[in-house]
Amino acid sequence: MNTQSYQPVALIIGASRGLGLGLTKRFLERDWQVIATEREGSVRPELRNLAATDPRLSVETVDMDSDASLQALRDRLSKRSLDLVMVNAGTLGDPDAPFVQRLLAVMRTNVAGAMSAVRYFSTQVRAGGVVAVMSSELASITDNTKGRWEPYRSSKSALNQSLRSFAAEMPDALWSLTAVAPGWVRTDMGGPDAILDIETSTRGVTNMLMTHFNQRGIAFLNYQGKTLNW
């Protein structure tokens, strides 16, 4: 392989808006090929508009709440070797829904969907590559002294636990695994009062992930590369 002409490939799951779209732009800025996903029937034009102007970007559809949809995406990408998988898709749930209904909804997407994606696509990551999942500082059980955001916080804690279990079950994995806390970002999810803009967060996340190539094991890090308490 001519390494001078090699373009690394990133799969970014959940990229139609916010952090996922920002990460797509950051990796394109680094001259990567990017496979970015959106939900079937998405009406947000930004990702498709970007793909129309940049041949390095291809767009796929997937529903994180559907195992069949995740399997179908895996089948479509089965011949692709990936340098990085970033599972970004997640939800806060409906704030007006009853507690149990909201908790089950966020667990379905943020834990079951995310971990299914990790299990399906990590097998396509090359030796020395990176598998990453968007977690949250709110996932830390140790640092939870204020409560609030309980369904979302609980889902991200469960996600981190599942990632730790996955890593322990695969001690010989040849890629690194990172739970990423992007900070409090001004997105649809983070709201207008958040302290970070999308570019600052995603540039930090990208820079941090680049240091994890040719590494092993699992870490829980924020967008500045700081190790967080599980």
C-alpha atoms as a PDB file:
ATOM      1  CA  MET A   1       0.000   0.000   0.000  1.00  0.00           C
ATOM      2  CA  ASN A   2       1.260   3.499  -0.850  1.00  0.00           C
ATOM      3  CA  THR A   3       0.912   5.207   2.522  1.00  0.00           C
ATOM      4  CA  GLN A   4       1.395   8.636   0.949  1.00  0.00           C
ATOM      5  CA  SER A   5      -1.879   8.288  -0.963  1.00  0.00           C
ATOM      6  CA  TYR A   6      -3.797   6.387   1.717  1.00  0.00           C
ATOM      7  CA  GLN A   7      -6.939   8.127   2.941  1.00  0.00           C
ATOM      8  CA  PRO A   8      -8.172   6.879   6.319  1.00  0.00           C
ATOM      9  CA  VAL A   9     -11.879   6.108   6.636  1.00  0.00           C
ATOM     10  CA  ALA A  10     -14.224   7.128   9.456  1.00  0.00           C
ATOM     11  CA  LEU A  11     -17.727   5.820  10.074  1.00  0.00           C
ATOM     12  CA  ILE A  12     -19.717   8.411  12.035  1.00  0.00           C
ATOM     13  CA  ILE A  13     -23.092   7.106  13.164  1.00  0.00           C
ATOM     14  CA  GLY A  14     -25.579   9.881  13.859  1.00  0.00           C
ATOM     15  CA  ALA A  15     -24.272  12.763  11.755  1.00  0.00           C
ATOM     16  CA  SER A  16     -27.247  14.721  10.414  1.00  0.00           C
ATOM     17  CA  ARG A  17     -26.867  17.519  12.950  1.00  0.00           C
ATOM     18  CA  GLY A  18     -24.995  18.812  15.984  1.00  0.00           C
ATOM     19  CA  LEU A  19     -21.920  16.973  17.170  1.00  0.00           C
ATOM     20  CA  GLY A  20     -22.097  14.263  14.515  1.00  0.00           C
ATOM     21  CA  LEU A  21     -22.213  16.801  11.712  1.00  0.00           C
ATOM     22  CA  GLY A  22     -19.423  18.756  13.374  1.00  0.00           C
ATOM     23  CA  LEU A  23     -17.240  15.657  13.639  1.00  0.00           C
ATOM     24  CA  THR A  24     -17.915  14.879   9.984  1.00  0.00           C
ATOM     25  CA  LYS A  25     -16.602  18.326   9.059  1.00  0.00           C
ATOM     26  CA  ARG A  26     -13.542  17.978  11.298  1.00  0.00           C
ATOM     27  CA  PHE A  27     -12.484  14.681   9.723  1.00  0.00           C
ATOM     28  CA  LEU A  28     -13.053  16.044   6.224  1.00  0.00           C
ATOM     29  CA  GLU A  29     -10.777  18.934   7.187  1.00  0.00           C
ATOM     30  CA  ARG A  30      -8.135  16.301   7.904  1.00  0.00           C
ATOM     31  CA  ASP A  31      -8.678  14.824   4.419  1.00  0.00           C
ATOM     32  CA  TRP A  32     -10.363  11.647   5.613  1.00  0.00           C
ATOM     33  CA  GLN A  33     -13.018   9.709   3.785  1.00  0.00           C
ATOM     34  CA  VAL A  34     -16.170   9.812   5.902  1.00  0.00           C
ATOM     35  CA  ILE A  35     -19.193   7.535   5.887  1.00  0.00           C
ATOM     36  CA  ALA A  36     -21.851   9.452   7.824  1.00  0.00           C
ATOM     37  CA  THR A  37     -25.287   8.189   8.793  1.00  0.00           C
ATOM     38  CA  GLU A  38     -28.668   9.786   9.252  1.00  0.00           C
ATOM     39  CA  ARG A  39     -32.075   8.359  10.101  1.00  0.00           C
ATOM     40  CA  GLU A  40     -34.313   7.163   7.298  1.00  0.00           C
ATOM     41  CA  GLY A  41     -36.540  10.036   6.252  1.00  0.00           C
ATOM     42  CA  SER A  42     -34.364  12.732   7.832  1.00  0.00           C
ATOM     43  CA  VAL A  43     -35.446  16.187   6.671  1.00  0.00           C
ATOM     44  CA  ARG A  44     -32.246  17.936   7.721  1.00  0.00           C
ATOM     45  CA  PRO A  45     -30.398  19.009   4.578  1.00  0.00           C
ATOM     46  CA  GLU A  46     -26.946  19.910   5.910  1.00  0.00           C
ATOM     47  CA  LEU A  47     -25.325  16.480   5.660  1.00  0.00           C
ATOM     48  CA  ARG A  48     -26.669  15.719   2.188  1.00  0.00           C
ATOM     49  CA  ASN A  49     -25.722  19.200   0.983  1.00  0.00           C
ATOM     50  CA  LEU A  50     -22.186  18.677   2.240  1.00  0.00           C
ATOM     51  CA  ALA A  51     -21.973  15.293   0.511  1.00  0.00           C
ATOM     52  CA  ALA A  52     -23.113  16.878  -2.759  1.00  0.00           C
ATOM     53  CA  THR A  53     -20.054  19.130  -2.723  1.00  0.00           C
ATOM     54  CA  ASP A  54     -17.437  16.760  -1.272  1.00  0.00           C
ATOM     55  CA  PRO A  55     -16.793  13.354  -2.894  1.00  0.00           C
ATOM     56  CA  ARG A  56     -14.940  12.171   0.212  1.00  0.00           C
ATOM     57  CA  LEU A  57     -18.263  12.059   2.087  1.00  0.00           C
ATOM     58  CA  SER A  58     -20.895   9.375   1.575  1.00  0.00           C
ATOM     59  CA  VAL A  59     -24.210   9.237   3.421  1.00  0.00           C
ATOM     60  CA  GLU A  60     -25.958   6.106   4.688  1.00  0.00           C
ATOM     61  CA  THR A  61     -29.188   5.644   6.618  1.00  0.00           C
ATOM     62  CA  VAL A  62     -29.654   3.659   9.810  1.00  0.00           C
ATOM     63  CA  ASP A  63     -32.150   3.482  12.677  1.00  0.00           C
ATOM     64  CA  MET A  64     -30.343   2.978  15.981  1.00  0.00           C
ATOM     65  CA  ASP A  65     -33.493   1.507  17.515  1.00  0.00           C
ATOM     66  CA  SER A  66     -33.649  -1.251  14.890  1.00  0.00           C
ATOM     67  CA  ASP A  67     -31.215  -4.142  15.061  1.00  0.00           C
ATOM     68  CA  ALA A  68     -32.264  -5.138  11.544  1.00  0.00           C
ATOM     69  CA  SER A  69     -31.340  -1.659  10.303  1.00  0.00           C
ATOM     70  CA  LEU A  70     -27.926  -1.844  11.974  1.00  0.00           C
ATOM     71  CA  GLN A  71     -27.338  -5.276  10.466  1.00  0.00           C
ATOM     72  CA  ALA A  72     -28.326  -3.980   7.036  1.00  0.00           C
ATOM     73  CA  LEU A  73     -25.824  -1.146   7.320  1.00  0.00           C
ATOM     74  CA  ARG A  74     -23.131  -3.583   8.398  1.00  0.00           C
ATOM     75  CA  ASP A  75     -23.905  -5.728   5.344  1.00  0.00           C
ATOM     76  CA  ARG A  76     -23.694  -2.717   3.025  1.00  0.00           C
ATOM     77  CA  LEU A  77     -20.317  -1.760   4.481  1.00  0.00           C
ATOM     78  CA  SER A  78     -18.983  -5.306   4.889  1.00  0.00           C
ATOM     79  CA  LYS A  79     -16.183  -4.801   2.371  1.00  0.00           C
ATOM     80  CA  ARG A  80     -14.970  -1.531   3.908  1.00  0.00           C
ATOM     81  CA  SER A  81     -12.012  -1.401   6.247  1.00  0.00           C
ATOM     82  CA  LEU A  82     -12.455   1.355   8.817  1.00  0.00           C
ATOM     83  CA  ASP A  83      -9.874   3.365  10.698  1.00  0.00           C
ATOM     84  CA  LEU A  84     -12.367   4.894  13.107  1.00  0.00           C
ATOM     85  CA  VAL A  85     -15.916   4.173  14.214  1.00  0.00           C
ATOM     86  CA  MET A  86     -17.654   6.974  16.109  1.00  0.00           C
ATOM     87  CA  VAL A  87     -21.085   6.119  17.520  1.00  0.00           C
ATOM     88  CA  ASN A  88     -22.647   9.498  18.139  1.00  0.00           C
ATOM     89  CA  ALA A  89     -26.400   8.839  17.881  1.00  0.00           C
ATOM     90  CA  GLY A  90     -28.323   9.369  21.104  1.00  0.00           C
ATOM     91  CA  THR A  91     -31.475  10.845  22.602  1.00  0.00           C
ATOM     92  CA  LEU A  92     -32.741  12.703  25.663  1.00  0.00           C
ATOM     93  CA  GLY A  93     -36.159  11.129  25.267  1.00  0.00           C
ATOM     94  CA  ASP A  94     -39.449  12.966  25.393  1.00  0.00           C
ATOM     95  CA  PRO A  95     -39.397  15.266  28.468  1.00  0.00           C
ATOM     96  CA  ASP A  96     -43.191  15.118  28.631  1.00  0.00           C
ATOM     97  CA  ALA A  97     -43.366  11.317  28.664  1.00  0.00           C
ATOM     98  CA  PRO A  98     -43.925   9.376  31.897  1.00  0.00           C
ATOM     99  CA  PHE A  99     -40.682   8.506  33.676  1.00  0.00           C
ATOM    100  CA  VAL A 100     -40.648   4.793  32.859  1.00  0.00           C
ATOM    101  CA  GLN A 101     -41.499   5.376  29.203  1.00  0.00           C
ATOM    102  CA  ARG A 102     -38.730   7.967  28.884  1.00  0.00           C
ATOM    103  CA  LEU A 103     -36.186   5.791  30.678  1.00  0.00           C
ATOM    104  CA  LEU A 104     -36.884   2.807  28.445  1.00  0.00           C
ATOM    105  CA  ALA A 105     -36.655   4.966  25.317  1.00  0.00           C
ATOM    106  CA  VAL A 106     -33.243   6.411  26.161  1.00  0.00           C
ATOM    107  CA  MET A 107     -31.938   3.007  27.246  1.00  0.00           C
ATOM    108  CA  ARG A 108     -33.032   1.536  23.921  1.00  0.00           C
ATOM    109  CA  THR A 109     -31.153   4.101  21.855  1.00  0.00           C
ATOM    110  CA  ASN A 110     -28.268   5.184  24.079  1.00  0.00           C
ATOM    111  CA  VAL A 111     -27.308   1.737  25.382  1.00  0.00           C
ATOM    112  CA  ALA A 112     -28.766  -1.098  23.309  1.00  0.00           C
ATOM    113  CA  GLY A 113     -28.441   0.722  19.986  1.00  0.00           C
ATOM    114  CA  ALA A 114     -25.011   2.133  20.703  1.00  0.00           C
ATOM    115  CA  MET A 115     -23.595  -1.176  21.929  1.00  0.00           C
ATOM    116  CA  SER A 116     -25.078  -3.063  18.982  1.00  0.00           C
ATOM    117  CA  ALA A 117     -23.311  -0.610  16.672  1.00  0.00           C
ATOM    118  CA  VAL A 118     -20.033  -1.107  18.541  1.00  0.00           C
ATOM    119  CA  ARG A 119     -20.327  -4.886  18.276  1.00  0.00           C
ATOM    120  CA  TYR A 120     -21.243  -4.819  14.589  1.00  0.00           C
ATOM    121  CA  PHE A 121     -18.688  -2.313  13.310  1.00  0.00           C
ATOM    122  CA  SER A 122     -15.670  -2.817  15.574  1.00  0.00           C
ATOM    123  CA  THR A 123     -14.971  -6.017  13.623  1.00  0.00           C
ATOM    124  CA  GLN A 124     -14.195  -3.834  10.585  1.00  0.00           C
ATOM    125  CA  VAL A 125     -11.731  -1.555  12.367  1.00  0.00           C
ATOM    126  CA  ARG A 126      -8.137  -2.089  11.334  1.00  0.00           C
ATOM    127  CA  ALA A 127      -5.387  -2.927  13.817  1.00  0.00           C
ATOM    128  CA  GLY A 128      -4.318   0.287  15.500  1.00  0.00           C
ATOM    129  CA  GLY A 129      -7.653   1.972  14.791  1.00  0.00           C
ATOM    130  CA  VAL A 130     -10.144   3.648  17.108  1.00  0.00           C
ATOM    131  CA  VAL A 131     -13.637   2.772  18.313  1.00  0.00           C
ATOM    132  CA  ALA A 132     -15.378   5.625  20.132  1.00  0.00           C
ATOM    133  CA  VAL A 133     -18.836   6.209  21.576  1.00  0.00           C
ATOM    134  CA  MET A 134     -20.372   9.521  22.598  1.00  0.00           C
ATOM    135  CA  SER A 135     -20.907   9.370  26.329  1.00  0.00           C
ATOM    136  CA  SER A 136     -21.261  12.307  28.718  1.00  0.00           C
ATOM    137  CA  GLU A 137     -19.727  13.765  31.852  1.00  0.00           C
ATOM    138  CA  LEU A 138     -23.152  13.069  33.356  1.00  0.00           C
ATOM    139  CA  ALA A 139     -22.350   9.354  33.050  1.00  0.00           C
ATOM    140  CA  SER A 140     -19.938   9.496  35.970  1.00  0.00           C
ATOM    141  CA  ILE A 141     -21.420   7.845  39.055  1.00  0.00           C
ATOM    142  CA  THR A 142     -18.546   9.108  41.194  1.00  0.00           C
ATOM    143  CA  ASP A 143     -19.136  12.728  40.226  1.00  0.00           C
ATOM    144  CA  ASN A 144     -22.934  12.680  40.507  1.00  0.00           C
ATOM    145  CA  THR A 145     -23.502  15.009  43.431  1.00  0.00           C
ATOM    146  CA  LYS A 146     -26.407  17.059  42.046  1.00  0.00           C
ATOM    147  CA  GLY A 147     -28.726  14.528  40.431  1.00  0.00           C
ATOM    148  CA  ARG A 148     -31.154  15.715  37.718  1.00  0.00           C
ATOM    149  CA  TRP A 149     -31.236  14.493  34.102  1.00  0.00           C
ATOM    150  CA  GLU A 150     -31.914  11.042  35.568  1.00  0.00           C
ATOM    151  CA  PRO A 151     -33.063   9.023  32.525  1.00  0.00           C
ATOM    152  CA  TYR A 152     -30.311  10.442  30.296  1.00  0.00           C
ATOM    153  CA  ARG A 153     -27.661  10.254  33.033  1.00  0.00           C
ATOM    154  CA  SER A 154     -28.629   6.656  33.827  1.00  0.00           C
ATOM    155  CA  SER A 155     -28.457   5.656  30.170  1.00  0.00           C
ATOM    156  CA  LYS A 156     -24.952   7.060  29.763  1.00  0.00           C
ATOM    157  CA  SER A 157     -23.800   5.359  32.970  1.00  0.00           C
ATOM    158  CA  ALA A 158     -25.188   2.074  31.652  1.00  0.00           C
ATOM    159  CA  LEU A 159     -23.451   2.722  28.335  1.00  0.00           C
ATOM    160  CA  ASN A 160     -20.117   3.208  30.093  1.00  0.00           C
ATOM    161  CA  GLN A 161     -20.638   0.017  32.083  1.00  0.00           C
ATOM    162  CA  SER A 162     -21.385  -1.876  28.885  1.00  0.00           C
ATOM    163  CA  LEU A 163     -18.280  -0.444  27.228  1.00  0.00           C
ATOM    164  CA  ARG A 164     -16.152  -1.544  30.192  1.00  0.00           C
ATOM    165  CA  SER A 165     -17.623  -5.044  29.955  1.00  0.00           C
ATOM    166  CA  PHE A 166     -17.073  -5.146  26.195  1.00  0.00           C
ATOM    167  CA  ALA A 167     -13.449  -4.112  26.618  1.00  0.00           C
ATOM    168  CA  ALA A 168     -12.889  -6.703  29.367  1.00  0.00           C
ATOM    169  CA  GLU A 169     -14.334  -9.422  27.147  1.00  0.00           C
ATOM    170  CA  MET A 170     -11.946  -8.480  24.329  1.00  0.00           C
ATOM    171  CA  PRO A 171      -8.507  -8.078  25.942  1.00  0.00           C
ATOM    172  CA  ASP A 172      -6.774  -8.913  22.678  1.00  0.00           C
ATOM    173  CA  ALA A 173      -8.560  -6.246  20.621  1.00  0.00           C
ATOM    174  CA  LEU A 174      -6.082  -4.458  18.388  1.00  0.00           C
ATOM    175  CA  TRP A 175      -7.852  -1.084  18.560  1.00  0.00           C
ATOM    176  CA  SER A 176      -8.569   1.407  21.328  1.00  0.00           C
ATOM    177  CA  LEU A 177     -12.016   2.039  22.833  1.00  0.00           C
ATOM    178  CA  THR A 178     -12.981   5.487  24.103  1.00  0.00           C
ATOM    179  CA  ALA A 179     -16.064   6.786  25.898  1.00  0.00           C
ATOM    180  CA  VAL A 180     -16.166  10.448  24.874  1.00  0.00           C
ATOM    181  CA  ALA A 181     -17.607  13.318  26.918  1.00  0.00           C
ATOM    182  CA  PRO A 182     -17.995  16.256  24.512  1.00  0.00           C
ATOM    183  CA  GLY A 183     -18.792  18.855  27.167  1.00  0.00           C
ATOM    184  CA  TRP A 184     -21.944  20.940  27.427  1.00  0.00           C
ATOM    185  CA  VAL A 185     -22.467  22.022  23.818  1.00  0.00           C
ATOM    186  CA  ARG A 186     -24.949  24.372  22.153  1.00  0.00           C
ATOM    187  CA  THR A 187     -26.871  21.785  20.143  1.00  0.00           C
ATOM    188  CA  ASP A 188     -30.549  20.872  19.966  1.00  0.00           C
ATOM    189  CA  MET A 189     -29.856  18.558  22.902  1.00  0.00           C
ATOM    190  CA  GLY A 190     -27.567  20.835  24.906  1.00  0.00           C
ATOM    191  CA  GLY A 191     -29.705  23.944  24.496  1.00  0.00           C
ATOM    192  CA  PRO A 192     -28.818  27.616  23.952  1.00  0.00           C
ATOM    193  CA  ASP A 193     -27.301  28.128  27.423  1.00  0.00           C
ATOM    194  CA  ALA A 194     -24.519  25.556  26.932  1.00  0.00           C
ATOM    195  CA  ILE A 195     -20.978  26.854  27.330  1.00  0.00           C
ATOM    196  CA  LEU A 196     -19.352  25.336  24.212  1.00  0.00           C
ATOM    197  CA  ASP A 197     -19.977  25.800  20.511  1.00  0.00           C
ATOM    198  CA  ILE A 198     -19.988  22.767  18.225  1.00  0.00           C
ATOM    199  CA  GLU A 199     -16.693  23.577  16.538  1.00  0.00           C
ATOM    200  CA  THR A 200     -14.769  23.904  19.824  1.00  0.00           C
ATOM    201  CA  SER A 201     -16.128  20.616  21.148  1.00  0.00           C
ATOM    202  CA  THR A 202     -15.717  18.610  17.962  1.00  0.00           C
ATOM    203  CA  ARG A 203     -12.242  19.957  17.266  1.00  0.00           C
ATOM    204  CA  GLY A 204     -11.219  18.929  20.761  1.00  0.00           C
ATOM    205  CA  VAL A 205     -12.804  15.494  20.395  1.00  0.00           C
ATOM    206  CA  THR A 206     -11.101  14.952  17.039  1.00  0.00           C
ATOM    207  CA  ASN A 207      -7.705  16.015  18.376  1.00  0.00           C
ATOM    208  CA  MET A 208      -8.139  13.705  21.360  1.00  0.00           C
ATOM    209  CA  LEU A 209      -9.159  10.724  19.227  1.00  0.00           C
ATOM    210  CA  MET A 210      -6.163  11.193  16.948  1.00  0.00           C
ATOM    211  CA  THR A 211      -3.883  10.454  19.918  1.00  0.00           C
ATOM    212  CA  HIS A 212      -5.534   7.049  20.400  1.00  0.00           C
ATOM    213  CA  PHE A 213      -4.461   5.449  17.161  1.00  0.00           C
ATOM    214  CA  ASN A 214      -2.065   2.556  17.652  1.00  0.00           C
ATOM    215  CA  GLN A 215      -3.177   2.334  21.287  1.00  0.00           C
ATOM    216  CA  ARG A 216      -4.992  -0.384  23.226  1.00  0.00           C
ATOM    217  CA  GLY A 217      -7.505  -0.577  26.061  1.00  0.00           C
ATOM    218  CA  ILE A 218     -10.359   1.673  27.163  1.00  0.00           C
ATOM    219  CA  ALA A 219     -10.565   5.256  28.404  1.00  0.00           C
ATOM    220  CA  PHE A 220     -13.253   7.722  29.497  1.00  0.00           C
ATOM    221  CA  LEU A 221     -12.128  11.163  28.330  1.00  0.00           C
ATOM    222  CA  ASN A 222     -13.583  14.600  27.751  1.00  0.00           C
ATOM    223  CA  TYR A 223     -13.098  16.763  24.681  1.00  0.00           C
ATOM    224  CA  GLN A 224      -9.892  18.198  26.179  1.00  0.00           C
ATOM    225  CA  GLY A 225      -8.380  14.734  26.685  1.00  0.00           C
ATOM    226  CA  LYS A 226      -8.913  14.774  30.463  1.00  0.00           C
ATOM    227  CA  THR A 227      -9.561  11.388  32.082  1.00  0.00           C
ATOM    228  CA  LEU A 228     -12.944  11.286  33.824  1.00  0.00           C
ATOM    229  CA  ASN A 229     -14.182   9.244  36.758  1.00  0.00           C
ATOM    230  CA  TRP A 230     -16.321   6.258  35.801  1.00  0.00           C
END
